[in-house]
Amino acid sequence: MRLDAFLKQTALVKRRPIAKLLCDGGKIARNGVVAKAADDVRRGDRLTLDFGTKKVEVEILGVPPGNVAKAAREKYFQVTGEEKLDDGWD
């Protein structure tokens, strides 16, 4: 499954075009390497998502076969770290 589709289906990012923009902007890394939206994700991959005000690290536990029910989304990833970043407004 494509990275941008995985992010959308698991609700880590609300919309697929936003996931693509984050990838194109170098804000998402897969296994420590800047990722592209079209990269395939696999079980065991580690993602780092930089949202500007926070950085989230997740491990992929499984790849959904298609659309995912809201209640089942979290069985496909586990948050392994979260860091609040300086927003620059100080």
PDB file of N, CA and C in Angstrom:
ATOM      1  N   MET A   1       0.848  -1.170   0.000  1.00  0.00           N
ATOM      2  CA  MET A   1       0.000   0.000   0.000  1.00  0.00           C
ATOM      3  C   MET A   1       0.900   1.242   0.000  1.00  0.00           C
ATOM      4  N   ARG A   2       0.480   2.257  -0.744  1.00  0.00           N
ATOM      5  CA  ARG A   2       1.214   3.516  -0.788  1.00  0.00           C
ATOM      6  C   ARG A   2       1.197   4.204   0.575  1.00  0.00           C
ATOM      7  N   LEU A   3       2.264   4.909   0.866  1.00  0.00           N
ATOM      8  CA  LEU A   3       2.382   5.614   2.137  1.00  0.00           C
ATOM      9  C   LEU A   3       1.251   6.618   2.327  1.00  0.00           C
ATOM     10  N   ASP A   4       0.958   7.423   1.309  1.00  0.00           N
ATOM     11  CA  ASP A   4      -0.098   8.430   1.472  1.00  0.00           C
ATOM     12  C   ASP A   4      -1.461   7.786   1.733  1.00  0.00           C
ATOM     13  N   ALA A   5      -1.725   6.659   1.107  1.00  0.00           N
ATOM     14  CA  ALA A   5      -2.988   5.957   1.332  1.00  0.00           C
ATOM     15  C   ALA A   5      -3.034   5.376   2.756  1.00  0.00           C
ATOM     16  N   PHE A   6      -1.910   4.822   3.218  1.00  0.00           N
ATOM     17  CA  PHE A   6      -1.856   4.290   4.581  1.00  0.00           C
ATOM     18  C   PHE A   6      -2.125   5.385   5.606  1.00  0.00           C
ATOM     19  N   LEU A   7      -1.496   6.536   5.424  1.00  0.00           N
ATOM     20  CA  LEU A   7      -1.686   7.645   6.359  1.00  0.00           C
ATOM     21  C   LEU A   7      -3.141   8.085   6.409  1.00  0.00           C
ATOM     22  N   LYS A   8      -3.793   8.132   5.264  1.00  0.00           N
ATOM     23  CA  LYS A   8      -5.204   8.528   5.197  1.00  0.00           C
ATOM     24  C   LYS A   8      -6.099   7.463   5.819  1.00  0.00           C
ATOM     25  N   GLN A   9      -5.887   6.205   5.442  1.00  0.00           N
ATOM     26  CA  GLN A   9      -6.779   5.138   5.898  1.00  0.00           C
ATOM     27  C   GLN A   9      -6.702   4.906   7.400  1.00  0.00           C
ATOM     28  N   THR A  10      -5.534   5.161   7.984  1.00  0.00           N
ATOM     29  CA  THR A  10      -5.388   4.977   9.428  1.00  0.00           C
ATOM     30  C   THR A  10      -5.632   6.267  10.198  1.00  0.00           C
ATOM     31  N   ALA A  11      -5.962   7.341   9.487  1.00  0.00           N
ATOM     32  CA  ALA A  11      -6.283   8.650  10.056  1.00  0.00           C
ATOM     33  C   ALA A  11      -5.103   9.312  10.766  1.00  0.00           C
ATOM     34  N   LEU A  12      -3.887   8.916  10.428  1.00  0.00           N
ATOM     35  CA  LEU A  12      -2.727   9.644  10.926  1.00  0.00           C
ATOM     36  C   LEU A  12      -2.693  11.033  10.293  1.00  0.00           C
ATOM     37  N   VAL A  13      -3.206  11.118   9.059  1.00  0.00           N
ATOM     38  CA  VAL A  13      -3.384  12.383   8.350  1.00  0.00           C
ATOM     39  C   VAL A  13      -4.816  12.372   7.826  1.00  0.00           C
ATOM     40  N   LYS A  14      -5.504  13.496   7.938  1.00  0.00           N
ATOM     41  CA  LYS A  14      -6.941  13.509   7.607  1.00  0.00           C
ATOM     42  C   LYS A  14      -7.250  13.326   6.123  1.00  0.00           C
ATOM     43  N   ARG A  15      -6.390  13.856   5.255  1.00  0.00           N
ATOM     44  CA  ARG A  15      -6.680  13.769   3.819  1.00  0.00           C
ATOM     45  C   ARG A  15      -5.435  13.325   3.062  1.00  0.00           C
ATOM     46  N   ARG A  16      -5.652  12.537   1.998  1.00  0.00           N
ATOM     47  CA  ARG A  16      -4.538  12.011   1.216  1.00  0.00           C
ATOM     48  C   ARG A  16      -3.718  13.108   0.548  1.00  0.00           C
ATOM     49  N   PRO A  17      -4.326  14.165   0.001  1.00  0.00           N
ATOM     50  CA  PRO A  17      -3.504  15.239  -0.588  1.00  0.00           C
ATOM     51  C   PRO A  17      -2.588  15.908   0.442  1.00  0.00           C
ATOM     52  N   ILE A  18      -3.029  15.983   1.694  1.00  0.00           N
ATOM     53  CA  ILE A  18      -2.188  16.554   2.737  1.00  0.00           C
ATOM     54  C   ILE A  18      -1.020  15.608   3.019  1.00  0.00           C
ATOM     55  N   ALA A  19      -1.286  14.311   3.034  1.00  0.00           N
ATOM     56  CA  ALA A  19      -0.212  13.329   3.225  1.00  0.00           C
ATOM     57  C   ALA A  19       0.819  13.457   2.106  1.00  0.00           C
ATOM     58  N   LYS A  20       0.359  13.658   0.886  1.00  0.00           N
ATOM     59  CA  LYS A  20       1.277  13.829  -0.246  1.00  0.00           C
ATOM     60  C   LYS A  20       2.103  15.098  -0.084  1.00  0.00           C
ATOM     61  N   LEU A  21       1.473  16.191   0.332  1.00  0.00           N
ATOM     62  CA  LEU A  21       2.209  17.439   0.557  1.00  0.00           C
ATOM     63  C   LEU A  21       3.264  17.279   1.645  1.00  0.00           C
ATOM     64  N   LEU A  22       2.924  16.580   2.721  1.00  0.00           N
ATOM     65  CA  LEU A  22       3.897  16.339   3.785  1.00  0.00           C
ATOM     66  C   LEU A  22       5.083  15.531   3.267  1.00  0.00           C
ATOM     67  N   CYS A  23       4.807  14.511   2.468  1.00  0.00           N
ATOM     68  CA  CYS A  23       5.882  13.704   1.883  1.00  0.00           C
ATOM     69  C   CYS A  23       6.738  14.542   0.941  1.00  0.00           C
ATOM     70  N   ASP A  24       6.097  15.300   0.060  1.00  0.00           N
ATOM     71  CA  ASP A  24       6.825  16.131  -0.898  1.00  0.00           C
ATOM     72  C   ASP A  24       7.678  17.187  -0.194  1.00  0.00           C
ATOM     73  N   GLY A  25       7.246  17.613   0.980  1.00  0.00           N
ATOM     74  CA  GLY A  25       7.973  18.617   1.744  1.00  0.00           C
ATOM     75  C   GLY A  25       9.044  18.033   2.657  1.00  0.00           C
ATOM     76  N   GLY A  26       9.252  16.719   2.596  1.00  0.00           N
ATOM     77  CA  GLY A  26      10.277  16.085   3.403  1.00  0.00           C
ATOM     78  C   GLY A  26       9.923  15.967   4.867  1.00  0.00           C
ATOM     79  N   LYS A  27       8.642  16.019   5.186  1.00  0.00           N
ATOM     80  CA  LYS A  27       8.183  15.994   6.574  1.00  0.00           C
ATOM     81  C   LYS A  27       7.881  14.592   7.100  1.00  0.00           C
ATOM     82  N   ILE A  28       7.983  13.581   6.241  1.00  0.00           N
ATOM     83  CA  ILE A  28       7.721  12.210   6.663  1.00  0.00           C
ATOM     84  C   ILE A  28       8.917  11.347   6.282  1.00  0.00           C
ATOM     85  N   ALA A  29       9.374  10.577   7.251  1.00  0.00           N
ATOM     86  CA  ALA A  29      10.488   9.657   7.011  1.00  0.00           C
ATOM     87  C   ALA A  29      10.015   8.231   7.270  1.00  0.00           C
ATOM     88  N   ARG A  30      10.520   7.311   6.467  1.00  0.00           N
ATOM     89  CA  ARG A  30      10.225   5.887   6.645  1.00  0.00           C
ATOM     90  C   ARG A  30      11.539   5.182   6.912  1.00  0.00           C
ATOM     91  N   ASN A  31      11.657   4.567   8.057  1.00  0.00           N
ATOM     92  CA  ASN A  31      12.882   3.879   8.473  1.00  0.00           C
ATOM     93  C   ASN A  31      14.099   4.800   8.394  1.00  0.00           C
ATOM     94  N   GLY A  32      13.910   6.056   8.780  1.00  0.00           N
ATOM     95  CA  GLY A  32      15.003   7.010   8.852  1.00  0.00           C
ATOM     96  C   GLY A  32      15.359   7.710   7.559  1.00  0.00           C
ATOM     97  N   VAL A  33      14.649   7.423   6.480  1.00  0.00           N
ATOM     98  CA  VAL A  33      14.907   8.026   5.172  1.00  0.00           C
ATOM     99  C   VAL A  33      13.682   8.822   4.745  1.00  0.00           C
ATOM    100  N   VAL A  34      13.907  10.020   4.222  1.00  0.00           N
ATOM    101  CA  VAL A  34      12.786  10.840   3.753  1.00  0.00           C
ATOM    102  C   VAL A  34      11.958  10.022   2.762  1.00  0.00           C
ATOM    103  N   ALA A  35      10.656   9.985   2.990  1.00  0.00           N
ATOM    104  CA  ALA A  35       9.760   9.125   2.213  1.00  0.00           C
ATOM    105  C   ALA A  35       9.052   9.895   1.111  1.00  0.00           C
ATOM    106  N   LYS A  36       8.659   9.150   0.092  1.00  0.00           N
ATOM    107  CA  LYS A  36       7.823   9.680  -0.979  1.00  0.00           C
ATOM    108  C   LYS A  36       6.416   9.133  -0.791  1.00  0.00           C
ATOM    109  N   ALA A  37       5.437   9.858  -1.303  1.00  0.00           N
ATOM    110  CA  ALA A  37       4.037   9.456  -1.145  1.00  0.00           C
ATOM    111  C   ALA A  37       3.767   8.079  -1.747  1.00  0.00           C
ATOM    112  N   ALA A  38       4.478   7.737  -2.817  1.00  0.00           N
ATOM    113  CA  ALA A  38       4.236   6.476  -3.522  1.00  0.00           C
ATOM    114  C   ALA A  38       5.004   5.298  -2.928  1.00  0.00           C
ATOM    115  N   ASP A  39       5.824   5.531  -1.912  1.00  0.00           N
ATOM    116  CA  ASP A  39       6.572   4.429  -1.289  1.00  0.00           C
ATOM    117  C   ASP A  39       5.620   3.397  -0.710  1.00  0.00           C
ATOM    118  N   ASP A  40       5.968   2.124  -0.881  1.00  0.00           N
ATOM    119  CA  ASP A  40       5.179   1.049  -0.281  1.00  0.00           C
ATOM    120  C   ASP A  40       5.525   0.923   1.193  1.00  0.00           C
ATOM    121  N   VAL A  41       4.513   0.749   2.027  1.00  0.00           N
ATOM    122  CA  VAL A  41       4.737   0.527   3.454  1.00  0.00           C
ATOM    123  C   VAL A  41       4.508  -0.948   3.763  1.00  0.00           C
ATOM    124  N   ARG A  42       5.248  -1.420   4.756  1.00  0.00           N
ATOM    125  CA  ARG A  42       5.154  -2.815   5.166  1.00  0.00           C
ATOM    126  C   ARG A  42       5.107  -2.893   6.691  1.00  0.00           C
ATOM    127  N   ARG A  43       4.636  -4.004   7.157  1.00  0.00           N
ATOM    128  CA  ARG A  43       4.621  -4.256   8.593  1.00  0.00           C
ATOM    129  C   ARG A  43       6.048  -4.140   9.122  1.00  0.00           C
ATOM    130  N   GLY A  44       6.201  -3.454  10.250  1.00  0.00           N
ATOM    131  CA  GLY A  44       7.515  -3.280  10.854  1.00  0.00           C
ATOM    132  C   GLY A  44       8.193  -1.973  10.488  1.00  0.00           C
ATOM    133  N   ASP A  45       7.709  -1.282   9.446  1.00  0.00           N
ATOM    134  CA  ASP A  45       8.276   0.018   9.083  1.00  0.00           C
ATOM    135  C   ASP A  45       8.037   1.005  10.212  1.00  0.00           C
ATOM    136  N   ARG A  46       8.992   1.921  10.367  1.00  0.00           N
ATOM    137  CA  ARG A  46       8.850   2.996  11.355  1.00  0.00           C
ATOM    138  C   ARG A  46       8.731   4.316  10.617  1.00  0.00           C
ATOM    139  N   LEU A  47       7.712   5.066  10.964  1.00  0.00           N
ATOM    140  CA  LEU A  47       7.462   6.360  10.341  1.00  0.00           C
ATOM    141  C   LEU A  47       7.707   7.479  11.343  1.00  0.00           C
ATOM    142  N   THR A  48       8.268   8.570  10.858  1.00  0.00           N
ATOM    143  CA  THR A  48       8.402   9.784  11.646  1.00  0.00           C
ATOM    144  C   THR A  48       7.643  10.866  10.901  1.00  0.00           C
ATOM    145  N   LEU A  49       6.650  11.450  11.551  1.00  0.00           N
ATOM    146  CA  LEU A  49       5.815  12.476  10.938  1.00  0.00           C
ATOM    147  C   LEU A  49       6.072  13.803  11.641  1.00  0.00           C
ATOM    148  N   ASP A  50       6.484  14.798  10.885  1.00  0.00           N
ATOM    149  CA  ASP A  50       6.760  16.128  11.424  1.00  0.00           C
ATOM    150  C   ASP A  50       5.600  17.040  11.024  1.00  0.00           C
ATOM    151  N   PHE A  51       4.744  17.372  12.016  1.00  0.00           N
ATOM    152  CA  PHE A  51       3.573  18.202  11.751  1.00  0.00           C
ATOM    153  C   PHE A  51       3.826  19.680  12.008  1.00  0.00           C
ATOM    154  N   GLY A  52       5.065  20.044  12.274  1.00  0.00           N
ATOM    155  CA  GLY A  52       5.396  21.437  12.530  1.00  0.00           C
ATOM    156  C   GLY A  52       5.437  21.755  14.007  1.00  0.00           C
ATOM    157  N   THR A  53       4.337  21.511  14.712  1.00  0.00           N
ATOM    158  CA  THR A  53       4.308  21.775  16.152  1.00  0.00           C
ATOM    159  C   THR A  53       4.554  20.519  16.977  1.00  0.00           C
ATOM    160  N   LYS A  54       4.508  19.363  16.325  1.00  0.00           N
ATOM    161  CA  LYS A  54       4.836  18.129  17.024  1.00  0.00           C
ATOM    162  C   LYS A  54       5.385  17.107  16.036  1.00  0.00           C
ATOM    163  N   LYS A  55       6.185  16.202  16.586  1.00  0.00           N
ATOM    164  CA  LYS A  55       6.770  15.121  15.804  1.00  0.00           C
ATOM    165  C   LYS A  55       6.277  13.814  16.410  1.00  0.00           C
ATOM    166  N   VAL A  56       5.756  12.935  15.566  1.00  0.00           N
ATOM    167  CA  VAL A  56       5.193  11.673  16.028  1.00  0.00           C
ATOM    168  C   VAL A  56       5.936  10.526  15.345  1.00  0.00           C
ATOM    169  N   GLU A  57       6.306   9.525  16.131  1.00  0.00           N
ATOM    170  CA  GLU A  57       6.929   8.323  15.599  1.00  0.00           C
ATOM    171  C   GLU A  57       5.971   7.161  15.793  1.00  0.00           C
ATOM    172  N   VAL A  58       5.768   6.392  14.718  1.00  0.00           N
ATOM    173  CA  VAL A  58       4.874   5.236  14.786  1.00  0.00           C
ATOM    174  C   VAL A  58       5.536   4.027  14.147  1.00  0.00           C
ATOM    175  N   GLU A  59       5.106   2.858  14.611  1.00  0.00           N
ATOM    176  CA  GLU A  59       5.524   1.606  13.998  1.00  0.00           C
ATOM    177  C   GLU A  59       4.296   0.998  13.335  1.00  0.00           C
ATOM    178  N   ILE A  60       4.457   0.533  12.107  1.00  0.00           N
ATOM    179  CA  ILE A  60       3.345  -0.083  11.385  1.00  0.00           C
ATOM    180  C   ILE A  60       3.192  -1.525  11.856  1.00  0.00           C
ATOM    181  N   LEU A  61       2.012  -1.853  12.367  1.00  0.00           N
ATOM    182  CA  LEU A  61       1.722  -3.195  12.862  1.00  0.00           C
ATOM    183  C   LEU A  61       1.084  -4.063  11.792  1.00  0.00           C
ATOM    184  N   GLY A  62       0.511  -3.445  10.795  1.00  0.00           N
ATOM    185  CA  GLY A  62      -0.131  -4.166   9.710  1.00  0.00           C
ATOM    186  C   GLY A  62      -0.591  -3.190   8.650  1.00  0.00           C
ATOM    187  N   VAL A  63      -0.814  -3.721   7.453  1.00  0.00           N
ATOM    188  CA  VAL A  63      -1.278  -2.890   6.346  1.00  0.00           C
ATOM    189  C   VAL A  63      -2.733  -3.249   6.073  1.00  0.00           C
ATOM    190  N   PRO A  64      -3.631  -2.283   6.151  1.00  0.00           N
ATOM    191  CA  PRO A  64      -5.055  -2.581   5.938  1.00  0.00           C
ATOM    192  C   PRO A  64      -5.323  -2.998   4.495  1.00  0.00           C
ATOM    193  N   PRO A  65      -6.265  -3.907   4.289  1.00  0.00           N
ATOM    194  CA  PRO A  65      -6.582  -4.367   2.940  1.00  0.00           C
ATOM    195  C   PRO A  65      -7.401  -3.356   2.130  1.00  0.00           C
ATOM    196  N   GLY A  66      -7.979  -2.392   2.791  1.00  0.00           N
ATOM    197  CA  GLY A  66      -8.827  -1.404   2.116  1.00  0.00           C
ATOM    198  C   GLY A  66      -9.263  -0.378   3.133  1.00  0.00           C
ATOM    199  N   ASN A  67     -10.495   0.095   2.999  1.00  0.00           N
ATOM    200  CA  ASN A  67     -11.011   1.061   3.963  1.00  0.00           C
ATOM    201  C   ASN A  67     -11.049   0.456   5.359  1.00  0.00           C
ATOM    202  N   VAL A  68     -10.785   1.309   6.349  1.00  0.00           N
ATOM    203  CA  VAL A  68     -10.685   0.853   7.730  1.00  0.00           C
ATOM    204  C   VAL A  68     -11.747   1.548   8.570  1.00  0.00           C
ATOM    205  N   ALA A  69     -12.471   0.765   9.360  1.00  0.00           N
ATOM    206  CA  ALA A  69     -13.453   1.340  10.272  1.00  0.00           C
ATOM    207  C   ALA A  69     -12.726   2.172  11.323  1.00  0.00           C
ATOM    208  N   LYS A  70     -13.367   3.222  11.784  1.00  0.00           N
ATOM    209  CA  LYS A  70     -12.766   4.122  12.753  1.00  0.00           C
ATOM    210  C   LYS A  70     -12.280   3.375  13.999  1.00  0.00           C
ATOM    211  N   ALA A  71     -13.050   2.433  14.468  1.00  0.00           N
ATOM    212  CA  ALA A  71     -12.702   1.688  15.676  1.00  0.00           C
ATOM    213  C   ALA A  71     -11.510   0.759  15.470  1.00  0.00           C
ATOM    214  N   ALA A  72     -11.200   0.405  14.233  1.00  0.00           N
ATOM    215  CA  ALA A  72     -10.127  -0.555  13.953  1.00  0.00           C
ATOM    216  C   ALA A  72      -8.826   0.100  13.507  1.00  0.00           C
ATOM    217  N   ARG A  73      -8.793   1.412  13.373  1.00  0.00           N
ATOM    218  CA  ARG A  73      -7.615   2.088  12.820  1.00  0.00           C
ATOM    219  C   ARG A  73      -6.352   1.864  13.631  1.00  0.00           C
ATOM    220  N   GLU A  74      -6.476   1.910  14.941  1.00  0.00           N
ATOM    221  CA  GLU A  74      -5.284   1.847  15.784  1.00  0.00           C
ATOM    222  C   GLU A  74      -4.640   0.465  15.836  1.00  0.00           C
ATOM    223  N   LYS A  75      -5.269  -0.555  15.279  1.00  0.00           N
ATOM    224  CA  LYS A  75      -4.627  -1.863  15.271  1.00  0.00           C
ATOM    225  C   LYS A  75      -3.587  -1.968  14.152  1.00  0.00           C
ATOM    226  N   TYR A  76      -3.500  -0.942  13.308  1.00  0.00           N
ATOM    227  CA  TYR A  76      -2.544  -0.960  12.206  1.00  0.00           C
ATOM    228  C   TYR A  76      -1.276  -0.162  12.499  1.00  0.00           C
ATOM    229  N   PHE A  77      -1.222   0.560  13.612  1.00  0.00           N
ATOM    230  CA  PHE A  77      -0.016   1.291  13.983  1.00  0.00           C
ATOM    231  C   PHE A  77       0.050   1.467  15.489  1.00  0.00           C
ATOM    232  N   GLN A  78       1.263   1.715  15.971  1.00  0.00           N
ATOM    233  CA  GLN A  78       1.476   1.985  17.387  1.00  0.00           C
ATOM    234  C   GLN A  78       2.360   3.212  17.499  1.00  0.00           C
ATOM    235  N   VAL A  79       1.929   4.185  18.279  1.00  0.00           N
ATOM    236  CA  VAL A  79       2.740   5.382  18.511  1.00  0.00           C
ATOM    237  C   VAL A  79       3.875   4.988  19.446  1.00  0.00           C
ATOM    238  N   THR A  80       5.124   5.217  18.989  1.00  0.00           N
ATOM    239  CA  THR A  80       6.290   4.853  19.791  1.00  0.00           C
ATOM    240  C   THR A  80       6.964   6.080  20.396  1.00  0.00           C
ATOM    241  N   GLY A  81       6.603   7.254  19.922  1.00  0.00           N
ATOM    242  CA  GLY A  81       7.174   8.473  20.476  1.00  0.00           C
ATOM    243  C   GLY A  81       6.426   9.694  19.993  1.00  0.00           C
ATOM    244  N   GLU A  82       6.412  10.714  20.838  1.00  0.00           N
ATOM    245  CA  GLU A  82       5.745  11.966  20.475  1.00  0.00           C
ATOM    246  C   GLU A  82       6.505  13.096  21.142  1.00  0.00           C
ATOM    247  N   GLU A  83       6.809  14.122  20.364  1.00  0.00           N
ATOM    248  CA  GLU A  83       7.588  15.244  20.872  1.00  0.00           C
ATOM    249  C   GLU A  83       6.934  16.547  20.439  1.00  0.00           C
ATOM    250  N   LYS A  84       6.670  17.405  21.408  1.00  0.00           N
ATOM    251  CA  LYS A  84       6.125  18.720  21.088  1.00  0.00           C
ATOM    252  C   LYS A  84       7.288  19.618  20.674  1.00  0.00           C
ATOM    253  N   LEU A  85       7.132  20.296  19.545  1.00  0.00           N
ATOM    254  CA  LEU A  85       8.173  21.171  19.022  1.00  0.00           C
ATOM    255  C   LEU A  85       7.843  22.616  19.309  1.00  0.00           C
ATOM    256  N   ASP A  86       8.855  23.446  19.360  1.00  0.00           N
ATOM    257  CA  ASP A  86       8.675  24.888  19.569  1.00  0.00           C
ATOM    258  C   ASP A  86       7.916  25.455  18.380  1.00  0.00           C
ATOM    259  N   ASP A  87       6.851  26.196  18.663  1.00  0.00           N
ATOM    260  CA  ASP A  87       6.053  26.765  17.577  1.00  0.00           C
ATOM    261  C   ASP A  87       6.577  28.111  17.080  1.00  0.00           C
ATOM    262  N   GLY A  88       7.603  28.646  17.740  1.00  0.00           N
ATOM    263  CA  GLY A  88       8.219  29.899  17.286  1.00  0.00           C
ATOM    264  C   GLY A  88       7.496  31.152  17.711  1.00  0.00           C
ATOM    265  N   TRP A  89       6.477  31.029  18.559  1.00  0.00           N
ATOM    266  CA  TRP A  89       5.696  32.196  18.962  1.00  0.00           C
ATOM    267  C   TRP A  89       6.139  32.762  20.303  1.00  0.00           C
ATOM    268  N   ASP A  90       7.244  32.310  20.826  1.00  0.00           N
ATOM    269  CA  ASP A  90       7.706  32.805  22.138  1.00  0.00           C
ATOM    270  C   ASP A  90       8.368  34.143  22.058  1.00  0.00           C
TER     271      ASP A  90
END
